[in-house]
Amino acid sequence: MTFPSRKVPNWLRSFWQFSRPHTIIGTTLSVWSIYTLAVMDSGQAWDFLPMAIGAWVACLAGNVYIVGLNQILDIPIDQINKPHLPLAAGEFTVPQAWIIVISMGLVSLGLGIEQGMILLGVISLSLLIGTAYSLPPIRLKRYPFWAALCILGVRGIIVNLGLFWHFQARLNQPLAITNLVWALTGFVVVFTVAIALCKDIPDLEGDRQFQIATLTVRFGPKAVFQITLAVLALAYGGLILTSLVVNLGVNLPLFVGGHLLLLVILWLQARRVELNDITSITRFYQFIWRLFFWEYIFLPVLAVTNHWR
C-alpha cells in the first residue's frame, strides 16, 4: 500500500481517527466484558486468553470496516459535519481508504472462520448490517428507524449474545445466557437507541443539505434531545427495576446505587447542554459514549466481586 510521504506516527494518528476511537473503545470493552462474564465460573480465563484475543481482533477489524465504509460513502457530508476526519480532511485518499476497509473486512472474516461458526456468524451479520447501513442503494442510514435498528442490532444483540455464545461454546459450556447478560443486552439495546438519536443532532446541517431525513432534520434538535434523555432514563430505570425482580448475581445496593448516581450525573450534564452550540452537543454525545463504556466495566466488576465473596 502506498501512502503520502510522511512520518509513520502521522499515518497511525490518521488511521486511529479513521477507525473512530470511541467505537473502538466500545468494541474493546464489550468483547472483554462479555468474555469476563462467560469465563467467570470456569476458572479457565487464562487458558482461553489467546482465543479471546482472536475474537477481539476480529471484532476490531470488523469495526474498522463498518466505520471506514461509512466515511468513504459520506465524504461530502463529513466535509460539513466532521471535517477533521481523515478522508474529509484529505489525509487519506479514497483508494487508500478502500484498501484499508476491504483488508479489515477480510481479516475479520478470516478470524471468524478460524474460530468457528458462532463467531463467523457474529462477524458476518455485523458486516452485512454495516454494509446495508451505508452502501447505496439500500443505505439504511437515510431512515431513522432502520438506522437505529442497525446500531442496536449489532451493538446490542449480535455482539452481546453472539459473543457470549461463542465464548461458552469454546469453553465447552452449555449454551445458556445468564440473567446478567440478558439484562446487559436489554440495557445496551435501549441505550444504543439514544446513541443513534443523539449522534444526528450535531450533524444537522450536513444531513439537511444532503437530504438525510434524520429525526433531527424532521423535528429539530430540542425535540430529539428530549427524546434522547427519555430513552436514557428508560434504559437506566429498566435496568434498576430488573435488578429488583431478577437475581443478577451482583451486589444489589451497589448496583442500584451506582446506576442512580449515573442518572443524577446524566441529568446534571444534560442541564449544561446548549443546543445552539455544536461543540456543546458534541461534548454531550461523547459523554453518552463514556456512560456506555462505564456499563461494560461496572457490571463485570460487580459480578466478579460478588462471585469471589
Protein backbone atom coordinates (compact mmCIF):
# COMPACT_ATOMS: atom_id res chain seq x y z
CA MET A 1 0.00 0.00 0.00
CA THR A 2 1.41 3.43 -0.94
CA PHE A 3 0.77 6.35 1.38
CA PRO A 4 1.74 10.00 1.11
CA SER A 5 5.31 10.63 2.20
CA ARG A 6 5.14 11.47 5.88
CA LYS A 7 6.17 10.01 9.18
CA VAL A 8 4.59 6.74 10.23
CA PRO A 9 3.25 8.21 13.51
CA ASN A 10 1.25 10.75 11.48
CA TRP A 11 -0.27 7.98 9.39
CA LEU A 12 -1.08 5.98 12.52
CA ARG A 13 -2.76 9.03 14.03
CA SER A 14 -4.91 9.39 10.91
CA PHE A 15 -5.70 5.68 10.94
CA TRP A 16 -6.75 5.97 14.59
CA GLN A 17 -9.16 8.77 13.67
CA PHE A 18 -10.37 6.80 10.66
CA SER A 19 -11.24 3.90 12.98
CA ARG A 20 -13.43 6.26 15.10
CA PRO A 21 -11.79 5.80 18.52
CA HIS A 22 -14.99 5.88 20.55
CA THR A 23 -16.31 2.89 18.60
CA ILE A 24 -13.00 1.03 19.00
CA ILE A 25 -13.08 1.59 22.76
CA GLY A 26 -16.73 0.50 22.90
CA THR A 27 -15.99 -2.67 20.94
CA THR A 28 -12.96 -3.47 23.09
CA LEU A 29 -14.86 -3.07 26.34
CA SER A 30 -17.82 -5.10 25.11
CA VAL A 31 -15.65 -8.03 23.98
CA TRP A 32 -13.67 -8.23 27.22
CA SER A 33 -16.71 -7.63 29.38
CA ILE A 34 -18.62 -10.48 27.75
CA TYR A 35 -15.52 -12.70 27.97
CA THR A 36 -15.23 -11.96 31.70
CA LEU A 37 -18.88 -12.86 32.29
CA ALA A 38 -18.51 -16.07 30.24
CA VAL A 39 -15.37 -17.39 31.95
CA MET A 40 -16.11 -16.13 35.45
CA ASP A 41 -17.33 -19.51 36.72
CA SER A 42 -14.96 -21.68 34.71
CA GLY A 43 -11.56 -20.90 36.22
CA GLN A 44 -10.15 -21.04 32.66
CA ALA A 45 -9.75 -17.34 31.89
CA TRP A 46 -6.00 -17.51 31.24
CA ASP A 47 -6.16 -20.78 29.31
CA PHE A 48 -8.55 -19.32 26.76
CA LEU A 49 -6.95 -15.88 26.55
CA PRO A 50 -5.49 -16.44 23.02
CA MET A 51 -8.97 -17.35 21.80
CA ALA A 52 -10.39 -14.19 23.36
CA ILE A 53 -7.65 -12.07 21.76
CA GLY A 54 -8.51 -13.56 18.37
CA ALA A 55 -12.19 -12.71 18.82
CA TRP A 56 -11.26 -9.20 19.94
CA VAL A 57 -9.06 -8.57 16.89
CA ALA A 58 -11.80 -9.94 14.61
CA CYS A 59 -14.31 -7.53 16.13
CA LEU A 60 -11.90 -4.59 15.91
CA ALA A 61 -11.23 -5.31 12.24
CA GLY A 62 -14.96 -5.53 11.60
CA ASN A 63 -15.43 -2.25 13.44
CA VAL A 64 -12.90 -0.50 11.17
CA TYR A 65 -14.61 -1.98 8.09
CA ILE A 66 -18.01 -0.62 9.14
CA VAL A 67 -16.96 2.89 10.18
CA GLY A 68 -14.50 3.14 7.28
CA LEU A 69 -17.11 2.22 4.69
CA ASN A 70 -19.42 4.84 6.14
CA GLN A 71 -16.71 7.51 5.81
CA ILE A 72 -15.92 6.56 2.20
CA LEU A 73 -19.55 7.00 1.23
CA ASP A 74 -20.09 10.14 3.34
CA ILE A 75 -17.17 12.34 2.30
CA PRO A 76 -19.27 15.33 1.15
CA ILE A 77 -21.43 15.14 4.29
CA ASP A 78 -18.40 14.75 6.58
CA GLN A 79 -16.73 17.77 4.98
CA ILE A 80 -19.57 19.74 6.57
CA ASN A 81 -20.30 17.76 9.74
CA LYS A 82 -16.91 16.23 10.58
CA PRO A 83 -14.18 17.98 8.56
CA HIS A 84 -11.50 16.61 10.93
CA LEU A 85 -11.94 13.02 9.71
CA PRO A 86 -9.05 11.76 7.54
CA LEU A 87 -10.99 11.37 4.29
CA ALA A 88 -12.87 14.65 4.68
CA ALA A 89 -9.58 16.39 5.53
CA GLY A 90 -7.71 14.80 2.62
CA GLU A 91 -5.29 12.87 4.84
CA PHE A 92 -6.31 9.61 3.16
CA THR A 93 -7.25 9.16 -0.49
CA VAL A 94 -10.34 7.18 -1.42
CA PRO A 95 -8.30 4.27 -2.90
CA GLN A 96 -6.25 4.06 0.29
CA ALA A 97 -9.44 4.01 2.37
CA TRP A 98 -10.90 1.22 0.21
CA ILE A 99 -7.74 -0.87 0.69
CA ILE A 100 -7.99 -0.43 4.47
CA VAL A 101 -11.71 -1.23 4.57
CA ILE A 102 -11.52 -4.31 2.35
CA SER A 103 -8.44 -5.59 4.19
CA MET A 104 -10.11 -5.17 7.57
CA GLY A 105 -13.23 -6.93 6.34
CA LEU A 106 -11.20 -9.90 5.11
CA VAL A 107 -9.17 -10.07 8.35
CA SER A 108 -12.38 -10.05 10.36
CA LEU A 109 -13.98 -12.82 8.30
CA GLY A 110 -10.77 -14.86 8.28
CA LEU A 111 -10.50 -14.81 12.06
CA GLY A 112 -14.18 -15.66 12.29
CA ILE A 113 -13.68 -18.72 10.10
CA GLU A 114 -10.68 -19.77 12.20
CA GLN A 115 -12.60 -19.54 15.47
CA GLY A 116 -15.81 -21.28 14.49
CA MET A 117 -19.31 -20.85 13.16
CA ILE A 118 -20.70 -18.76 16.01
CA LEU A 119 -18.06 -16.03 15.77
CA LEU A 120 -18.23 -16.20 11.98
CA GLY A 121 -21.97 -15.62 12.26
CA VAL A 122 -21.43 -12.66 14.59
CA ILE A 123 -18.87 -11.13 12.22
CA SER A 124 -20.84 -11.85 9.03
CA LEU A 125 -24.09 -10.40 10.36
CA SER A 126 -22.30 -7.32 11.70
CA LEU A 127 -20.53 -6.67 8.39
CA LEU A 128 -23.72 -7.27 6.42
CA ILE A 129 -25.72 -4.83 8.54
CA GLY A 130 -22.87 -2.30 8.50
CA THR A 131 -22.75 -2.52 4.71
CA ALA A 132 -26.52 -2.10 4.37
CA TYR A 133 -26.33 0.89 6.71
CA SER A 134 -24.02 2.87 4.42
CA LEU A 135 -23.98 1.39 0.90
CA PRO A 136 -26.40 2.56 -1.83
CA PRO A 137 -28.96 1.74 -2.95
CA ILE A 138 -30.07 0.33 0.42
CA ARG A 139 -28.29 2.92 2.61
CA LEU A 140 -30.42 2.38 5.70
CA LYS A 141 -28.88 5.36 7.46
CA ARG A 142 -31.32 7.52 5.49
CA TYR A 143 -34.21 6.21 7.58
CA PRO A 144 -34.28 6.91 11.36
CA PHE A 145 -35.99 3.64 12.31
CA TRP A 146 -33.72 1.41 10.24
CA ALA A 147 -30.60 3.36 11.20
CA ALA A 148 -31.35 2.89 14.90
CA LEU A 149 -32.21 -0.77 14.31
CA CYS A 150 -28.83 -1.34 12.65
CA ILE A 151 -26.94 0.14 15.59
CA LEU A 152 -28.91 -1.60 18.34
CA GLY A 153 -28.95 -4.85 16.36
CA VAL A 154 -25.16 -5.01 16.13
CA ARG A 155 -24.02 -3.42 19.40
CA GLY A 156 -26.97 -4.52 21.48
CA ILE A 157 -27.95 -8.00 20.34
CA ILE A 158 -25.41 -9.57 17.99
CA VAL A 159 -22.27 -8.57 19.90
CA ASN A 160 -23.51 -9.32 23.41
CA LEU A 161 -25.44 -12.53 22.85
CA GLY A 162 -23.33 -13.79 19.95
CA LEU A 163 -20.00 -13.34 21.70
CA PHE A 164 -21.32 -14.88 24.91
CA TRP A 165 -22.48 -17.95 22.97
CA HIS A 166 -19.14 -18.06 21.16
CA PHE A 167 -17.13 -17.98 24.38
CA GLN A 168 -19.38 -20.57 26.03
CA ALA A 169 -19.00 -22.88 23.04
CA ARG A 170 -15.21 -22.58 23.07
CA LEU A 171 -15.25 -23.29 26.82
CA ASN A 172 -17.42 -26.38 26.19
CA GLN A 173 -20.13 -24.92 28.42
CA PRO A 174 -23.90 -25.31 27.87
CA LEU A 175 -25.21 -22.51 25.66
CA ALA A 176 -27.22 -20.63 28.29
CA ILE A 177 -27.48 -16.86 28.61
CA THR A 178 -27.23 -15.68 32.23
CA ASN A 179 -29.64 -13.17 33.76
CA LEU A 180 -26.91 -10.55 33.92
CA VAL A 181 -26.06 -10.91 30.23
CA TRP A 182 -29.75 -10.64 29.33
CA ALA A 183 -30.01 -7.51 31.49
CA LEU A 184 -26.87 -6.01 29.93
CA THR A 185 -28.19 -6.78 26.45
CA GLY A 186 -31.55 -5.16 27.17
CA PHE A 187 -29.83 -2.10 28.58
CA VAL A 188 -27.50 -1.75 25.59
CA VAL A 189 -30.37 -2.20 23.12
CA VAL A 190 -32.23 0.74 24.65
CA PHE A 191 -29.07 2.77 25.24
CA THR A 192 -27.94 2.48 21.62
CA VAL A 193 -31.25 3.99 20.52
CA ALA A 194 -30.20 7.07 22.48
CA ILE A 195 -26.78 6.99 20.79
CA ALA A 196 -28.44 6.74 17.37
CA LEU A 197 -30.67 9.72 18.18
CA CYS A 198 -28.02 11.95 19.71
CA LYS A 199 -25.35 11.37 17.06
CA ASP A 200 -27.52 13.14 14.47
CA ILE A 201 -28.06 16.34 16.46
CA PRO A 202 -24.64 17.92 15.74
CA ASP A 203 -24.85 16.65 12.13
CA LEU A 204 -27.98 18.66 11.36
CA GLU A 205 -26.53 20.97 8.72
CA GLY A 206 -24.84 18.33 6.57
CA ASP A 207 -27.75 15.88 6.84
CA ARG A 208 -30.19 18.62 5.82
CA GLN A 209 -28.12 19.62 2.78
CA PHE A 210 -27.82 16.01 1.58
CA GLN A 211 -31.44 15.12 2.38
CA ILE A 212 -30.70 12.56 5.09
CA ALA A 213 -34.08 12.55 6.83
CA THR A 214 -32.96 12.09 10.43
CA LEU A 215 -35.33 12.88 13.27
CA THR A 216 -33.24 15.97 14.00
CA VAL A 217 -33.85 17.24 10.46
CA ARG A 218 -37.58 16.48 10.77
CA PHE A 219 -38.35 17.68 14.29
CA GLY A 220 -35.41 19.82 15.37
CA PRO A 221 -32.59 19.41 17.91
CA LYS A 222 -34.66 20.26 21.01
CA ALA A 223 -37.25 17.55 20.45
CA VAL A 224 -34.65 14.90 19.64
CA PHE A 225 -32.53 15.90 22.64
CA GLN A 226 -35.53 15.47 24.94
CA ILE A 227 -36.33 12.09 23.40
CA THR A 228 -32.70 11.06 23.87
CA LEU A 229 -32.86 11.91 27.57
CA ALA A 230 -36.13 9.99 27.94
CA VAL A 231 -34.61 6.91 26.28
CA LEU A 232 -31.55 7.08 28.54
CA ALA A 233 -33.77 7.36 31.61
CA LEU A 234 -35.73 4.35 30.35
CA ALA A 235 -32.52 2.35 29.94
CA TYR A 236 -31.34 3.04 33.48
CA GLY A 237 -34.79 2.77 35.02
CA GLY A 238 -35.42 -0.54 33.30
CA LEU A 239 -32.08 -1.92 34.46
CA ILE A 240 -32.71 -0.89 38.05
CA LEU A 241 -36.22 -2.38 38.07
CA THR A 242 -34.89 -5.60 36.53
CA SER A 243 -32.31 -5.92 39.30
CA LEU A 244 -35.08 -5.63 41.90
CA VAL A 245 -37.13 -8.52 40.50
CA VAL A 246 -34.47 -10.79 38.96
CA ASN A 247 -31.34 -12.18 40.60
CA LEU A 248 -28.48 -10.79 38.53
CA GLY A 249 -25.73 -12.20 40.73
CA VAL A 250 -24.43 -8.79 41.82
CA ASN A 251 -24.36 -6.71 44.99
CA LEU A 252 -27.82 -5.15 44.79
CA PRO A 253 -27.22 -1.97 46.84
CA LEU A 254 -24.09 -1.15 44.84
CA PHE A 255 -25.84 -1.96 41.56
CA VAL A 256 -28.90 0.20 42.27
CA GLY A 257 -26.95 2.99 43.96
CA GLY A 258 -24.37 3.13 41.18
CA HIS A 259 -26.99 3.45 38.48
CA LEU A 260 -28.99 6.05 40.39
CA LEU A 261 -25.77 8.06 40.70
CA LEU A 262 -25.23 7.78 36.94
CA LEU A 263 -28.76 9.06 36.36
CA VAL A 264 -28.04 12.09 38.53
CA ILE A 265 -24.78 12.76 36.68
CA LEU A 266 -26.62 12.42 33.37
CA TRP A 267 -29.23 14.95 34.49
CA LEU A 268 -26.56 17.42 35.57
CA GLN A 269 -24.71 17.06 32.27
CA ALA A 270 -27.91 17.49 30.27
CA ARG A 271 -28.68 20.78 32.03
CA ARG A 272 -25.39 22.21 30.74
CA VAL A 273 -26.08 21.47 27.06
CA GLU A 274 -26.64 24.41 24.73
CA LEU A 275 -28.49 23.13 21.67
CA ASN A 276 -27.38 26.05 19.50
CA ASP A 277 -23.72 25.20 20.15
CA ILE A 278 -22.37 22.25 18.14
CA THR A 279 -19.39 21.90 20.48
CA SER A 280 -21.70 21.60 23.49
CA ILE A 281 -23.87 18.98 21.79
CA THR A 282 -20.84 17.01 20.61
CA ARG A 283 -19.42 17.06 24.14
CA PHE A 284 -22.68 15.62 25.48
CA TYR A 285 -22.67 12.94 22.77
CA GLN A 286 -19.16 11.95 23.83
CA PHE A 287 -20.36 11.88 27.44
CA ILE A 288 -23.09 9.39 26.45
CA TRP A 289 -20.41 7.14 24.97
CA ARG A 290 -18.49 7.33 28.24
CA LEU A 291 -21.62 6.13 30.06
CA PHE A 292 -21.76 3.28 27.53
CA PHE A 293 -18.13 2.41 28.28
CA TRP A 294 -18.72 2.52 32.02
CA GLU A 295 -21.53 -0.04 31.89
CA TYR A 296 -19.21 -2.61 30.34
CA ILE A 297 -16.77 -2.02 33.20
CA PHE A 298 -19.21 -1.68 36.09
CA LEU A 299 -21.28 -4.83 35.53
CA PRO A 300 -18.39 -7.32 35.20
CA VAL A 301 -16.67 -5.80 38.24
CA LEU A 302 -19.85 -6.19 40.31
CA ALA A 303 -20.34 -9.74 39.03
CA VAL A 304 -16.75 -10.85 39.68
CA THR A 305 -16.53 -9.31 43.14
CA ASN A 306 -19.87 -10.87 44.09
CA HIS A 307 -18.65 -14.23 42.74
CA TRP A 308 -15.49 -14.06 44.86
CA ARG A 309 -17.34 -13.27 48.10
